[in-house]
Amino acid sequence: QVQLVESGGGLVQPGGSLTLSCAASGSISSINAMGWYRRAPGKERELVADIISGGFTNYAASVKGRFTISRDNAKNTVYLRMNSLKPEDTGVYSCKGYSTWSREFIYWGQGTQVTVSS
């Protein structure tokens, strides 16, 4: 089993920045990819960004150029640096750990709230 714990959410003004962290523990050898998803009020959960072993990254078009995903393998932690935040970035951000080789290994954190408001 893999446990994922998100942190770093909070209230920020439009144009501000925030960094989210997701720490993984447990049988982390079962996953080779981690990502961030978000659920805005009244909307479906959507991919924000993910990163695969080797450093390959993918971003939603709405955040590309503003957000950066990275990982620290020594700390088993993935980060999401969010710049130039907009009100539409508001939502619950959840960390996902998964395997690109098997659908058996998919894990989710509890989520952290990000609110962008003046």
Protein backbone atom coordinates (compact mmCIF):
# COMPACT_ATOMS: atom_id res chain seq x y z
CA GLN A 1 0.00 0.00 0.00
CA VAL A 2 1.01 3.60 -0.62
CA GLN A 3 0.00 6.54 1.51
CA LEU A 4 -0.06 10.05 0.07
CA VAL A 5 -0.31 13.19 2.19
CA GLU A 6 -0.79 16.60 0.61
CA SER A 7 0.10 19.91 2.20
CA GLY A 8 0.59 23.54 1.27
CA GLY A 9 -2.90 24.62 0.34
CA GLY A 10 -4.43 27.84 1.51
CA LEU A 11 -5.80 31.22 0.54
CA VAL A 12 -3.90 33.33 -1.95
CA GLN A 13 -4.67 36.49 -3.92
CA PRO A 14 -4.95 36.44 -7.71
CA GLY A 15 -1.51 36.68 -9.23
CA GLY A 16 0.07 35.09 -6.19
CA SER A 17 2.01 31.87 -5.82
CA LEU A 18 1.67 28.71 -3.80
CA THR A 19 3.57 25.44 -3.60
CA LEU A 20 1.87 22.14 -2.85
CA SER A 21 3.67 19.06 -1.55
CA CYS A 22 2.72 15.40 -1.66
CA ALA A 23 4.70 13.00 0.47
CA ALA A 24 4.52 9.30 -0.35
CA SER A 25 5.19 6.45 2.03
CA GLY A 26 4.70 2.70 2.12
CA SER A 27 5.31 0.44 -0.87
CA ILE A 28 6.42 3.24 -3.14
CA SER A 29 8.20 0.82 -5.45
CA SER A 30 4.78 -0.10 -6.81
CA ILE A 31 4.34 3.31 -8.44
CA ASN A 32 6.47 5.11 -10.98
CA ALA A 33 4.34 8.19 -11.58
CA MET A 34 2.73 10.88 -9.50
CA GLY A 35 0.42 13.69 -10.38
CA TRP A 36 -1.85 16.45 -9.22
CA TYR A 37 -5.56 16.61 -9.92
CA ARG A 38 -8.06 19.24 -8.89
CA ARG A 39 -11.79 19.51 -8.47
CA ALA A 40 -13.29 22.96 -8.81
CA PRO A 41 -16.77 23.66 -7.44
CA GLY A 42 -19.37 22.23 -9.78
CA LYS A 43 -16.81 20.59 -12.03
CA GLU A 44 -15.33 17.15 -12.60
CA ARG A 45 -11.91 16.31 -11.27
CA GLU A 46 -9.26 17.10 -13.85
CA LEU A 47 -5.59 16.44 -14.36
CA VAL A 48 -3.39 19.40 -13.51
CA ALA A 49 0.04 17.88 -14.01
CA ASP A 50 1.87 14.61 -13.64
CA ILE A 51 5.44 13.41 -13.69
CA ILE A 52 6.87 10.03 -14.62
CA SER A 53 10.10 8.41 -13.49
CA GLY A 54 12.79 9.91 -15.66
CA GLY A 55 11.35 13.40 -15.42
CA PHE A 56 8.73 13.36 -18.16
CA THR A 57 5.95 15.81 -17.35
CA ASN A 58 2.49 16.62 -18.61
CA TYR A 59 0.34 19.68 -17.92
CA ALA A 60 -3.21 20.73 -18.48
CA ALA A 61 -3.43 23.47 -21.08
CA SER A 62 -5.00 25.83 -18.54
CA VAL A 63 -1.94 25.73 -16.27
CA LYS A 64 0.89 25.25 -18.73
CA GLY A 65 3.46 28.00 -18.32
CA ARG A 66 2.20 28.90 -14.85
CA PHE A 67 2.57 25.66 -12.88
CA THR A 68 5.61 23.43 -12.49
CA ILE A 69 5.60 19.87 -11.21
CA SER A 70 8.75 18.34 -9.78
CA ARG A 71 9.80 15.48 -7.55
CA ASP A 72 12.44 14.83 -4.94
CA ASN A 73 13.10 11.11 -4.98
CA ALA A 74 15.20 11.26 -1.82
CA LYS A 75 12.19 12.64 0.04
CA ASN A 76 9.60 10.63 -1.91
CA THR A 77 7.80 13.90 -2.47
CA VAL A 78 6.25 15.58 -5.48
CA TYR A 79 5.69 19.32 -5.64
CA LEU A 80 3.45 21.63 -7.59
CA ARG A 81 4.67 25.20 -7.86
CA MET A 82 1.77 27.42 -8.84
CA ASN A 83 2.45 30.93 -10.11
CA SER A 84 0.18 33.66 -11.46
CA LEU A 85 -2.80 32.07 -9.76
CA LYS A 86 -6.28 32.85 -11.02
CA PRO A 87 -9.65 32.53 -9.29
CA GLU A 88 -10.48 29.63 -11.61
CA ASP A 89 -7.58 27.70 -10.09
CA THR A 90 -9.62 27.39 -6.90
CA GLY A 91 -10.39 23.82 -5.90
CA VAL A 92 -9.37 20.77 -3.96
CA TYR A 93 -6.01 19.53 -5.18
CA SER A 94 -5.36 15.82 -4.76
CA CYS A 95 -2.19 13.85 -5.23
CA LYS A 96 -2.22 10.64 -7.25
CA GLY A 97 0.39 7.93 -7.23
CA TYR A 98 0.16 5.25 -9.87
CA SER A 99 1.92 2.76 -12.09
CA THR A 100 2.08 3.26 -15.84
CA TRP A 101 2.42 -0.51 -16.16
CA SER A 102 -0.58 -1.73 -14.16
CA ARG A 103 -3.98 -0.31 -13.27
CA GLU A 104 -3.78 -2.28 -10.02
CA PHE A 105 -1.61 0.39 -8.43
CA ILE A 106 -3.51 3.66 -8.05
CA TYR A 107 -3.46 5.67 -4.84
CA TRP A 108 -4.97 8.99 -3.81
CA GLY A 109 -4.31 11.48 -1.07
CA GLN A 110 -7.05 13.25 0.87
CA GLY A 111 -6.60 16.57 -0.90
CA THR A 112 -5.72 20.11 0.06
CA GLN A 113 -7.85 23.19 -0.54
CA VAL A 114 -6.54 26.01 -2.70
CA THR A 115 -8.57 29.20 -2.77
CA VAL A 116 -7.62 32.09 -5.05
CA SER A 117 -9.57 35.18 -4.11
CA SER A 118 -9.12 38.87 -3.51
